[in-house]
């Protein structure tokens, strides 16, 4: 399954993964509530999963350095 991460603020593509199966724990999705899941994750008609995140530029602009640290931790779990 293809997974795309897009910046929720500027729309820029952040990352793309090609996975045999989606492991929600490795992607960090297991801790989301149903409402957060509905807001952050969508699957299009072709089966591609889209996940909203923040790009580095928007993280810098908003002064949210802890988001970058958290995201790096999730990416290292996937690989």
PDB file of N, CA and C in Angstrom:
ATOM      1  N   UNK A   1       0.847  -1.178   0.000  1.00  0.00           N
ATOM      2  CA  UNK A   1       0.000   0.000   0.000  1.00  0.00           C
ATOM      3  C   UNK A   1       0.891   1.239   0.000  1.00  0.00           C
ATOM      4  N   UNK A   2       0.506   2.196  -0.761  1.00  0.00           N
ATOM      5  CA  UNK A   2       1.235   3.453  -0.820  1.00  0.00           C
ATOM      6  C   UNK A   2       0.661   4.406   0.240  1.00  0.00           C
ATOM      7  N   UNK A   3       1.571   5.072   0.948  1.00  0.00           N
ATOM      8  CA  UNK A   3       1.188   6.031   1.983  1.00  0.00           C
ATOM      9  C   UNK A   3       1.874   7.355   1.676  1.00  0.00           C
ATOM     10  N   UNK A   4       1.087   8.417   1.577  1.00  0.00           N
ATOM     11  CA  UNK A   4       1.618   9.751   1.345  1.00  0.00           C
ATOM     12  C   UNK A   4       1.385  10.608   2.585  1.00  0.00           C
ATOM     13  N   UNK A   5       2.421  11.326   2.986  1.00  0.00           N
ATOM     14  CA  UNK A   5       2.301  12.317   4.058  1.00  0.00           C
ATOM     15  C   UNK A   5       2.304  13.687   3.391  1.00  0.00           C
ATOM     16  N   UNK A   6       1.300  14.501   3.711  1.00  0.00           N
ATOM     17  CA  UNK A   6       1.170  15.844   3.159  1.00  0.00           C
ATOM     18  C   UNK A   6       1.102  16.846   4.298  1.00  0.00           C
ATOM     19  N   UNK A   7       1.679  18.026   4.095  1.00  0.00           N
ATOM     20  CA  UNK A   7       1.578  19.087   5.089  1.00  0.00           C
ATOM     21  C   UNK A   7       0.149  19.617   5.107  1.00  0.00           C
ATOM     22  N   UNK A   8      -0.433  19.642   6.291  1.00  0.00           N
ATOM     23  CA  UNK A   8      -1.810  20.103   6.443  1.00  0.00           C
ATOM     24  C   UNK A   8      -1.932  21.610   6.237  1.00  0.00           C
ATOM     25  N   UNK A   9      -0.844  22.351   6.418  1.00  0.00           N
ATOM     26  CA  UNK A   9      -0.915  23.807   6.268  1.00  0.00           C
ATOM     27  C   UNK A   9      -0.628  24.286   4.848  1.00  0.00           C
ATOM     28  N   UNK A  10       0.470  23.819   4.271  1.00  0.00           N
ATOM     29  CA  UNK A  10       0.859  24.338   2.950  1.00  0.00           C
ATOM     30  C   UNK A  10       0.591  23.360   1.806  1.00  0.00           C
ATOM     31  N   UNK A  11       0.271  22.106   2.122  1.00  0.00           N
ATOM     32  CA  UNK A  11      -0.038  21.121   1.097  1.00  0.00           C
ATOM     33  C   UNK A  11       1.158  20.414   0.495  1.00  0.00           C
ATOM     34  N   UNK A  12       2.351  20.782   0.907  1.00  0.00           N
ATOM     35  CA  UNK A  12       3.579  20.190   0.367  1.00  0.00           C
ATOM     36  C   UNK A  12       3.672  18.704   0.724  1.00  0.00           C
ATOM     37  N   UNK A  13       4.184  17.895  -0.201  1.00  0.00           N
ATOM     38  CA  UNK A  13       4.440  16.488   0.083  1.00  0.00           C
ATOM     39  C   UNK A  13       5.601  16.365   1.043  1.00  0.00           C
ATOM     40  N   UNK A  14       5.465  15.557   2.061  1.00  0.00           N
ATOM     41  CA  UNK A  14       6.502  15.412   3.089  1.00  0.00           C
ATOM     42  C   UNK A  14       7.231  14.081   2.946  1.00  0.00           C
ATOM     43  N   UNK A  15       6.495  13.006   2.716  1.00  0.00           N
ATOM     44  CA  UNK A  15       7.111  11.677   2.591  1.00  0.00           C
ATOM     45  C   UNK A  15       6.165  10.764   1.831  1.00  0.00           C
ATOM     46  N   UNK A  16       6.747   9.689   1.311  1.00  0.00           N
ATOM     47  CA  UNK A  16       5.975   8.679   0.595  1.00  0.00           C
ATOM     48  C   UNK A  16       6.548   7.321   0.964  1.00  0.00           C
ATOM     49  N   UNK A  17       5.681   6.389   1.302  1.00  0.00           N
ATOM     50  CA  UNK A  17       6.102   5.039   1.650  1.00  0.00           C
ATOM     51  C   UNK A  17       5.376   4.038   0.773  1.00  0.00           C
ATOM     52  N   UNK A  18       6.044   2.956   0.470  1.00  0.00           N
ATOM     53  CA  UNK A  18       5.412   1.828  -0.214  1.00  0.00           C
ATOM     54  C   UNK A  18       5.534   0.643   0.738  1.00  0.00           C
ATOM     55  N   UNK A  19       4.406   0.200   1.281  1.00  0.00           N
ATOM     56  CA  UNK A  19       4.403  -0.847   2.294  1.00  0.00           C
ATOM     57  C   UNK A  19       3.605  -2.047   1.817  1.00  0.00           C
ATOM     58  N   UNK A  20       4.036  -3.240   2.234  1.00  0.00           N
ATOM     59  CA  UNK A  20       3.262  -4.449   1.931  1.00  0.00           C
ATOM     60  C   UNK A  20       1.951  -4.436   2.702  1.00  0.00           C
ATOM     61  N   UNK A  21       2.034  -3.980   3.951  1.00  0.00           N
ATOM     62  CA  UNK A  21       0.851  -3.883   4.809  1.00  0.00           C
ATOM     63  C   UNK A  21       1.060  -2.704   5.752  1.00  0.00           C
ATOM     64  N   UNK A  22      -0.011  -2.059   6.126  1.00  0.00           N
ATOM     65  CA  UNK A  22       0.073  -0.916   7.035  1.00  0.00           C
ATOM     66  C   UNK A  22       0.106  -1.436   8.463  1.00  0.00           C
ATOM     67  N   UNK A  23       1.180  -1.089   9.170  1.00  0.00           N
ATOM     68  CA  UNK A  23       1.306  -1.411  10.594  1.00  0.00           C
ATOM     69  C   UNK A  23       1.060  -0.111  11.348  1.00  0.00           C
ATOM     70  N   UNK A  24      -0.129   0.027  11.918  1.00  0.00           N
ATOM     71  CA  UNK A  24      -0.523   1.288  12.551  1.00  0.00           C
ATOM     72  C   UNK A  24       0.399   1.670  13.706  1.00  0.00           C
ATOM     73  N   UNK A  25       0.944   0.700  14.406  1.00  0.00           N
ATOM     74  CA  UNK A  25       1.853   0.999  15.504  1.00  0.00           C
ATOM     75  C   UNK A  25       3.139   1.624  14.974  1.00  0.00           C
ATOM     76  N   UNK A  26       3.709   1.043  13.931  1.00  0.00           N
ATOM     77  CA  UNK A  26       4.936   1.589  13.357  1.00  0.00           C
ATOM     78  C   UNK A  26       4.715   2.980  12.767  1.00  0.00           C
ATOM     79  N   UNK A  27       3.532   3.220  12.216  1.00  0.00           N
ATOM     80  CA  UNK A  27       3.227   4.531  11.640  1.00  0.00           C
ATOM     81  C   UNK A  27       2.811   5.545  12.710  1.00  0.00           C
ATOM     82  N   UNK A  28       2.630   5.086  13.941  1.00  0.00           N
ATOM     83  CA  UNK A  28       2.232   5.983  15.015  1.00  0.00           C
ATOM     84  C   UNK A  28       0.759   6.336  14.998  1.00  0.00           C
ATOM     85  N   UNK A  29      -0.036   5.532  14.299  1.00  0.00           N
ATOM     86  CA  UNK A  29      -1.458   5.828  14.163  1.00  0.00           C
ATOM     87  C   UNK A  29      -2.309   5.157  15.242  1.00  0.00           C
ATOM     88  N   UNK A  30      -1.731   4.234  15.967  1.00  0.00           N
ATOM     89  CA  UNK A  30      -2.477   3.477  16.967  1.00  0.00           C
ATOM     90  C   UNK A  30      -2.911   4.321  18.161  1.00  0.00           C
ATOM     91  N   UNK A  31      -2.280   5.465  18.359  1.00  0.00           N
ATOM     92  CA  UNK A  31      -2.607   6.307  19.513  1.00  0.00           C
ATOM     93  C   UNK A  31      -3.669   7.363  19.194  1.00  0.00           C
ATOM     94  N   UNK A  32      -4.155   7.392  17.960  1.00  0.00           N
ATOM     95  CA  UNK A  32      -5.153   8.389  17.571  1.00  0.00           C
ATOM     96  C   UNK A  32      -6.551   7.992  18.022  1.00  0.00           C
ATOM     97  N   UNK A  33      -7.321   8.987  18.408  1.00  0.00           N
ATOM     98  CA  UNK A  33      -8.735   8.748  18.694  1.00  0.00           C
ATOM     99  C   UNK A  33      -9.472   8.610  17.361  1.00  0.00           C
ATOM    100  N   UNK A  34     -10.706   8.160  17.412  1.00  0.00           N
ATOM    101  CA  UNK A  34     -11.511   8.021  16.193  1.00  0.00           C
ATOM    102  C   UNK A  34     -11.666   9.369  15.498  1.00  0.00           C
ATOM    103  N   UNK A  35     -11.863  10.420  16.265  1.00  0.00           N
ATOM    104  CA  UNK A  35     -12.013  11.764  15.687  1.00  0.00           C
ATOM    105  C   UNK A  35     -10.721  12.227  15.022  1.00  0.00           C
ATOM    106  N   UNK A  36      -9.580  12.016  15.686  1.00  0.00           N
ATOM    107  CA  UNK A  36      -8.289  12.396  15.104  1.00  0.00           C
ATOM    108  C   UNK A  36      -8.030  11.595  13.827  1.00  0.00           C
ATOM    109  N   UNK A  37      -8.352  10.324  13.862  1.00  0.00           N
ATOM    110  CA  UNK A  37      -8.186   9.458  12.694  1.00  0.00           C
ATOM    111  C   UNK A  37      -8.971   9.995  11.500  1.00  0.00           C
ATOM    112  N   UNK A  38     -10.225  10.359  11.742  1.00  0.00           N
ATOM    113  CA  UNK A  38     -11.067  10.904  10.670  1.00  0.00           C
ATOM    114  C   UNK A  38     -10.496  12.199  10.105  1.00  0.00           C
ATOM    115  N   UNK A  39      -9.869  12.993  10.955  1.00  0.00           N
ATOM    116  CA  UNK A  39      -9.315  14.275  10.537  1.00  0.00           C
ATOM    117  C   UNK A  39      -7.974  14.126   9.820  1.00  0.00           C
ATOM    118  N   UNK A  40      -7.158  13.175  10.229  1.00  0.00           N
ATOM    119  CA  UNK A  40      -5.776  13.080   9.764  1.00  0.00           C
ATOM    120  C   UNK A  40      -5.583  12.091   8.616  1.00  0.00           C
ATOM    121  N   UNK A  41      -6.341  11.000   8.613  1.00  0.00           N
ATOM    122  CA  UNK A  41      -6.120   9.910   7.659  1.00  0.00           C
ATOM    123  C   UNK A  41      -7.272   9.808   6.669  1.00  0.00           C
ATOM    124  N   UNK A  42      -6.918   9.640   5.402  1.00  0.00           N
ATOM    125  CA  UNK A  42      -7.936   9.341   4.396  1.00  0.00           C
ATOM    126  C   UNK A  42      -7.346   8.344   3.400  1.00  0.00           C
ATOM    127  N   UNK A  43      -8.214   7.596   2.775  1.00  0.00           N
ATOM    128  CA  UNK A  43      -7.801   6.654   1.728  1.00  0.00           C
ATOM    129  C   UNK A  43      -8.596   7.018   0.485  1.00  0.00           C
ATOM    130  N   UNK A  44      -7.876   7.277  -0.611  1.00  0.00           N
ATOM    131  CA  UNK A  44      -8.577   7.686  -1.831  1.00  0.00           C
ATOM    132  C   UNK A  44      -9.139   6.475  -2.572  1.00  0.00           C
ATOM    133  N   UNK A  45      -9.809   6.734  -3.677  1.00  0.00           N
ATOM    134  CA  UNK A  45     -10.491   5.684  -4.431  1.00  0.00           C
ATOM    135  C   UNK A  45      -9.543   4.645  -5.032  1.00  0.00           C
ATOM    136  N   UNK A  46      -8.254   4.973  -5.129  1.00  0.00           N
ATOM    137  CA  UNK A  46      -7.277   4.013  -5.652  1.00  0.00           C
ATOM    138  C   UNK A  46      -6.593   3.220  -4.542  1.00  0.00           C
ATOM    139  N   UNK A  47      -6.979   3.479  -3.288  1.00  0.00           N
ATOM    140  CA  UNK A  47      -6.407   2.745  -2.158  1.00  0.00           C
ATOM    141  C   UNK A  47      -5.170   3.376  -1.554  1.00  0.00           C
ATOM    142  N   UNK A  48      -4.809   4.569  -1.998  1.00  0.00           N
ATOM    143  CA  UNK A  48      -3.642   5.258  -1.436  1.00  0.00           C
ATOM    144  C   UNK A  48      -4.049   5.958  -0.148  1.00  0.00           C
ATOM    145  N   UNK A  49      -3.258   5.730   0.911  1.00  0.00           N
ATOM    146  CA  UNK A  49      -3.518   6.360   2.195  1.00  0.00           C
ATOM    147  C   UNK A  49      -2.829   7.722   2.238  1.00  0.00           C
ATOM    148  N   UNK A  50      -3.560   8.741   2.660  1.00  0.00           N
ATOM    149  CA  UNK A  50      -3.030  10.088   2.807  1.00  0.00           C
ATOM    150  C   UNK A  50      -3.078  10.452   4.280  1.00  0.00           C
ATOM    151  N   UNK A  51      -1.952  10.916   4.796  1.00  0.00           N
ATOM    152  CA  UNK A  51      -1.854  11.282   6.204  1.00  0.00           C
ATOM    153  C   UNK A  51      -1.417  12.740   6.293  1.00  0.00           C
ATOM    154  N   UNK A  52      -2.182  13.515   7.029  1.00  0.00           N
ATOM    155  CA  UNK A  52      -1.836  14.927   7.239  1.00  0.00           C
ATOM    156  C   UNK A  52      -0.762  15.026   8.311  1.00  0.00           C
ATOM    157  N   UNK A  53       0.228  15.874   8.073  1.00  0.00           N
ATOM    158  CA  UNK A  53       1.309  16.126   9.011  1.00  0.00           C
ATOM    159  C   UNK A  53       1.712  17.584   8.841  1.00  0.00           C
ATOM    160  N   UNK A  54       2.868  17.966   9.330  1.00  0.00           N
ATOM    161  CA  UNK A  54       3.411  19.307   9.104  1.00  0.00           C
ATOM    162  C   UNK A  54       4.800  19.174   8.493  1.00  0.00           C
ATOM    163  N   UNK A  55       5.105  19.972   7.488  1.00  0.00           N
ATOM    164  CA  UNK A  55       6.439  19.959   6.882  1.00  0.00           C
ATOM    165  C   UNK A  55       7.401  20.763   7.765  1.00  0.00           C
ATOM    166  N   UNK A  56       8.686  20.591   7.525  1.00  0.00           N
ATOM    167  CA  UNK A  56       9.698  21.290   8.323  1.00  0.00           C
ATOM    168  C   UNK A  56       9.536  22.806   8.261  1.00  0.00           C
ATOM    169  N   UNK A  57       9.213  23.318   7.091  1.00  0.00           N
ATOM    170  CA  UNK A  57       9.052  24.773   6.951  1.00  0.00           C
ATOM    171  C   UNK A  57       7.927  25.288   7.849  1.00  0.00           C
ATOM    172  N   UNK A  58       6.800  24.597   7.857  1.00  0.00           N
ATOM    173  CA  UNK A  58       5.672  25.021   8.695  1.00  0.00           C
ATOM    174  C   UNK A  58       5.975  24.816  10.182  1.00  0.00           C
ATOM    175  N   UNK A  59       6.683  23.733  10.499  1.00  0.00           N
ATOM    176  CA  UNK A  59       7.099  23.509  11.891  1.00  0.00           C
ATOM    177  C   UNK A  59       7.966  24.674  12.357  1.00  0.00           C
ATOM    178  N   UNK A  60       8.932  25.094  11.515  1.00  0.00           N
ATOM    179  CA  UNK A  60       9.795  26.232  11.857  1.00  0.00           C
ATOM    180  C   UNK A  60       8.995  27.513  12.001  1.00  0.00           C
ATOM    181  N   UNK A  61       8.098  27.752  11.061  1.00  0.00           N
ATOM    182  CA  UNK A  61       7.290  28.966  11.083  1.00  0.00           C
ATOM    183  C   UNK A  61       6.439  29.047  12.344  1.00  0.00           C
ATOM    184  N   UNK A  62       5.901  27.914  12.763  1.00  0.00           N
ATOM    185  CA  UNK A  62       5.045  27.875  13.945  1.00  0.00           C
ATOM    186  C   UNK A  62       5.817  27.721  15.256  1.00  0.00           C
ATOM    187  N   UNK A  63       7.132  27.470  15.160  1.00  0.00           N
ATOM    188  CA  UNK A  63       7.950  27.286  16.355  1.00  0.00           C
ATOM    189  C   UNK A  63       7.630  26.003  17.101  1.00  0.00           C
ATOM    190  N   UNK A  64       7.377  24.936  16.376  1.00  0.00           N
ATOM    191  CA  UNK A  64       6.975  23.656  16.968  1.00  0.00           C
ATOM    192  C   UNK A  64       8.066  22.603  16.832  1.00  0.00           C
ATOM    193  N   UNK A  65       9.223  22.846  17.369  1.00  0.00           N
ATOM    194  CA  UNK A  65      10.348  21.925  17.215  1.00  0.00           C
ATOM    195  C   UNK A  65      10.063  20.526  17.751  1.00  0.00           C
ATOM    196  N   UNK A  66       9.190  20.390  18.767  1.00  0.00           N
ATOM    197  CA  UNK A  66       8.884  19.068  19.314  1.00  0.00           C
ATOM    198  C   UNK A  66       8.168  18.191  18.287  1.00  0.00           C
ATOM    199  N   UNK A  67       7.464  18.782  17.333  1.00  0.00           N
ATOM    200  CA  UNK A  67       6.806  18.008  16.271  1.00  0.00           C
ATOM    201  C   UNK A  67       7.855  17.332  15.405  1.00  0.00           C
ATOM    202  N   UNK A  68       8.931  18.028  15.096  1.00  0.00           N
ATOM    203  CA  UNK A  68       9.992  17.461  14.260  1.00  0.00           C
ATOM    204  C   UNK A  68      10.643  16.280  14.977  1.00  0.00           C
ATOM    205  N   UNK A  69      10.883  16.404  16.261  1.00  0.00           N
ATOM    206  CA  UNK A  69      11.493  15.322  17.037  1.00  0.00           C
ATOM    207  C   UNK A  69      10.575  14.105  17.067  1.00  0.00           C
ATOM    208  N   UNK A  70       9.300  14.314  17.273  1.00  0.00           N
ATOM    209  CA  UNK A  70       8.331  13.229  17.316  1.00  0.00           C
ATOM    210  C   UNK A  70       8.239  12.539  15.953  1.00  0.00           C
ATOM    211  N   UNK A  71       8.220  13.318  14.879  1.00  0.00           N
ATOM    212  CA  UNK A  71       8.109  12.773  13.526  1.00  0.00           C
ATOM    213  C   UNK A  71       9.354  11.953  13.186  1.00  0.00           C
ATOM    214  N   UNK A  72      10.537  12.424  13.565  1.00  0.00           N
ATOM    215  CA  UNK A  72      11.769  11.686  13.307  1.00  0.00           C
ATOM    216  C   UNK A  72      11.750  10.334  14.003  1.00  0.00           C
ATOM    217  N   UNK A  73      11.220  10.305  15.200  1.00  0.00           N
ATOM    218  CA  UNK A  73      11.113   9.061  15.948  1.00  0.00           C
ATOM    219  C   UNK A  73      10.196   8.072  15.229  1.00  0.00           C
ATOM    220  N   UNK A  74       9.079   8.545  14.694  1.00  0.00           N
ATOM    221  CA  UNK A  74       8.153   7.671  13.972  1.00  0.00           C
ATOM    222  C   UNK A  74       8.781   7.147  12.699  1.00  0.00           C
ATOM    223  N   UNK A  75       9.480   7.983  11.934  1.00  0.00           N
ATOM    224  CA  UNK A  75      10.102   7.544  10.693  1.00  0.00           C
ATOM    225  C   UNK A  75      11.163   6.487  10.961  1.00  0.00           C
ATOM    226  N   UNK A  76      11.916   6.618  12.072  1.00  0.00           N
ATOM    227  CA  UNK A  76      12.937   5.626  12.361  1.00  0.00           C
ATOM    228  C   UNK A  76      12.320   4.278  12.718  1.00  0.00           C
ATOM    229  N   UNK A  77      11.120   4.271  13.302  1.00  0.00           N
ATOM    230  CA  UNK A  77      10.434   3.005  13.611  1.00  0.00           C
ATOM    231  C   UNK A  77       9.988   2.301  12.343  1.00  0.00           C
ATOM    232  N   UNK A  78       9.627   3.035  11.313  1.00  0.00           N
ATOM    233  CA  UNK A  78       9.129   2.452  10.069  1.00  0.00           C
ATOM    234  C   UNK A  78      10.252   1.746   9.330  1.00  0.00           C
ATOM    235  N   UNK A  79      11.409   2.336   9.321  1.00  0.00           N
ATOM    236  CA  UNK A  79      12.513   1.799   8.550  1.00  0.00           C
ATOM    237  C   UNK A  79      13.257   0.807   9.365  1.00  0.00           C
TER     238      UNK A  79
END
